[in-house]
Amino acid sequence: QVQLVESGGGSVQAGGSLRLSCAASGRTVSTYTMGWFRQAPGKEREFVAGFSRNYSASYADSVKGRFTISRDNAKNTVYLEMNSLKPEDTAVYYCAIRTVLPGPYKYWGQGTQVTVSS
């Protein structure tokens, strides 16, 4: 079993920045298997950022050039640096982890709220 704990959410004005963190515990993991999703009110949960089979970062088109995923394997932690935030980025952001790369995301964090005001 893996536990994921997100932090760093909050409220910011459009154009601002936030940095989310997600720490994994319970067992040693490869941070390449961790990723970020988000769910806005009334919408489906969507992929935001993660790592692909060749370990390169991948992003949703809507956040490319503005968000950056990074990792610290020693801390079992991944980060999501979010810049140039827009009101449409408002959502609950979830960290997730899969047991193999590639593969389905199996464990999820509780989520952290990000609110961007215009």
Protein backbone atom coordinates (compact mmCIF):
# COMPACT_ATOMS: atom_id res chain seq x y z
CA GLN A 1 0.00 0.00 0.00
CA VAL A 2 1.20 3.50 -0.85
CA GLN A 3 0.01 6.71 0.76
CA LEU A 4 0.18 10.00 -1.10
CA VAL A 5 -0.08 13.39 0.56
CA GLU A 6 -0.40 16.56 -1.49
CA SER A 7 0.36 20.05 -0.25
CA GLY A 8 0.85 23.54 -1.62
CA GLY A 9 -2.60 24.37 -2.89
CA GLY A 10 -4.23 27.70 -2.24
CA SER A 11 -5.74 30.80 -3.79
CA VAL A 12 -3.90 33.03 -6.23
CA GLN A 13 -4.72 35.72 -8.74
CA ALA A 14 -4.50 35.09 -12.46
CA GLY A 15 -0.92 35.25 -13.63
CA GLY A 16 0.39 34.02 -10.31
CA SER A 17 2.25 30.87 -9.39
CA LEU A 18 1.91 27.93 -7.03
CA ARG A 19 4.01 24.88 -6.31
CA LEU A 20 2.36 21.62 -5.36
CA SER A 21 4.16 18.78 -3.63
CA CYS A 22 3.24 15.13 -3.33
CA ALA A 23 5.05 12.85 -0.92
CA ALA A 24 4.72 9.08 -1.16
CA SER A 25 5.07 6.81 1.83
CA GLY A 26 4.45 3.19 2.71
CA ARG A 27 7.11 1.72 0.48
CA THR A 28 9.94 2.78 -1.78
CA VAL A 29 8.64 4.04 -5.09
CA SER A 30 10.03 5.33 -8.33
CA THR A 31 8.97 8.92 -8.68
CA TYR A 32 8.77 8.34 -12.43
CA THR A 33 5.54 6.47 -11.72
CA MET A 34 3.90 9.52 -10.11
CA GLY A 35 1.73 12.05 -11.84
CA TRP A 36 -0.77 14.87 -11.40
CA PHE A 37 -4.44 15.07 -12.29
CA ARG A 38 -7.11 17.67 -11.63
CA GLN A 39 -10.87 17.87 -11.41
CA ALA A 40 -12.81 21.08 -11.83
CA PRO A 41 -16.39 21.43 -10.56
CA GLY A 42 -18.78 19.61 -12.85
CA LYS A 43 -16.00 18.16 -14.98
CA GLU A 44 -14.24 14.83 -15.35
CA ARG A 45 -10.87 14.26 -13.73
CA GLU A 46 -8.15 14.99 -16.28
CA PHE A 47 -4.46 14.26 -16.65
CA VAL A 48 -2.16 17.23 -16.03
CA ALA A 49 1.43 15.97 -15.95
CA GLY A 50 3.44 12.81 -15.53
CA PHE A 51 6.27 10.76 -16.97
CA SER A 52 6.15 8.59 -20.03
CA ARG A 53 7.75 5.22 -20.76
CA ASN A 54 11.09 6.85 -21.70
CA TYR A 55 11.04 8.88 -18.44
CA SER A 56 10.40 12.16 -20.19
CA ALA A 57 7.82 14.53 -18.77
CA SER A 58 4.45 14.72 -20.47
CA TYR A 59 1.80 17.39 -20.10
CA ALA A 60 -1.76 18.12 -21.03
CA ASP A 61 -1.91 20.59 -23.90
CA SER A 62 -3.72 23.07 -21.69
CA VAL A 63 -0.75 23.42 -19.32
CA LYS A 64 2.24 23.01 -21.64
CA GLY A 65 4.72 25.84 -21.24
CA ARG A 66 3.18 26.90 -17.93
CA PHE A 67 3.46 23.86 -15.64
CA THR A 68 6.55 21.84 -14.85
CA ILE A 69 6.70 18.46 -13.12
CA SER A 70 9.84 17.57 -11.24
CA ARG A 71 10.86 14.90 -8.80
CA ASP A 72 13.13 14.14 -5.88
CA ASN A 73 13.63 10.40 -5.67
CA ALA A 74 15.48 10.63 -2.36
CA LYS A 75 12.38 12.19 -0.81
CA ASN A 76 9.83 10.07 -2.70
CA THR A 77 8.32 13.38 -3.79
CA VAL A 78 7.10 14.93 -7.00
CA TYR A 79 6.36 18.59 -7.54
CA LEU A 80 4.17 20.57 -9.88
CA GLU A 81 5.35 24.10 -10.52
CA MET A 82 2.43 26.10 -11.91
CA ASN A 83 3.09 29.48 -13.49
CA SER A 84 0.94 31.96 -15.40
CA LEU A 85 -2.12 30.51 -13.72
CA LYS A 86 -5.51 31.08 -15.29
CA PRO A 87 -9.01 30.95 -13.77
CA GLU A 88 -9.62 27.78 -15.79
CA ASP A 89 -6.84 26.09 -13.81
CA THR A 90 -9.11 26.19 -10.76
CA ALA A 91 -9.62 22.60 -9.62
CA VAL A 92 -8.79 20.02 -7.02
CA TYR A 93 -5.37 18.66 -7.91
CA TYR A 94 -4.63 15.03 -7.21
CA CYS A 95 -1.36 13.18 -7.07
CA ALA A 96 -1.39 9.59 -8.26
CA ILE A 97 1.05 6.73 -8.62
CA ARG A 98 1.17 3.62 -10.75
CA THR A 99 2.97 0.43 -9.86
CA VAL A 100 4.56 0.00 -13.28
CA LEU A 101 5.55 2.40 -16.03
CA PRO A 102 3.59 2.45 -18.24
CA GLY A 103 0.44 1.33 -16.53
CA PRO A 104 -2.74 2.57 -14.87
CA TYR A 105 -2.57 4.91 -11.90
CA LYS A 106 -3.49 2.82 -8.88
CA TYR A 107 -3.16 4.96 -5.74
CA TRP A 108 -4.48 8.48 -5.27
CA GLY A 109 -3.96 11.30 -2.82
CA GLN A 110 -6.77 13.19 -1.15
CA GLY A 111 -6.35 16.23 -3.37
CA THR A 112 -5.47 19.86 -2.80
CA GLN A 113 -7.58 22.82 -3.90
CA VAL A 114 -6.19 25.40 -6.30
CA THR A 115 -8.29 28.49 -6.89
CA VAL A 116 -7.30 31.12 -9.44
CA SER A 117 -9.24 34.37 -9.43
CA SER A 118 -9.45 36.81 -12.31
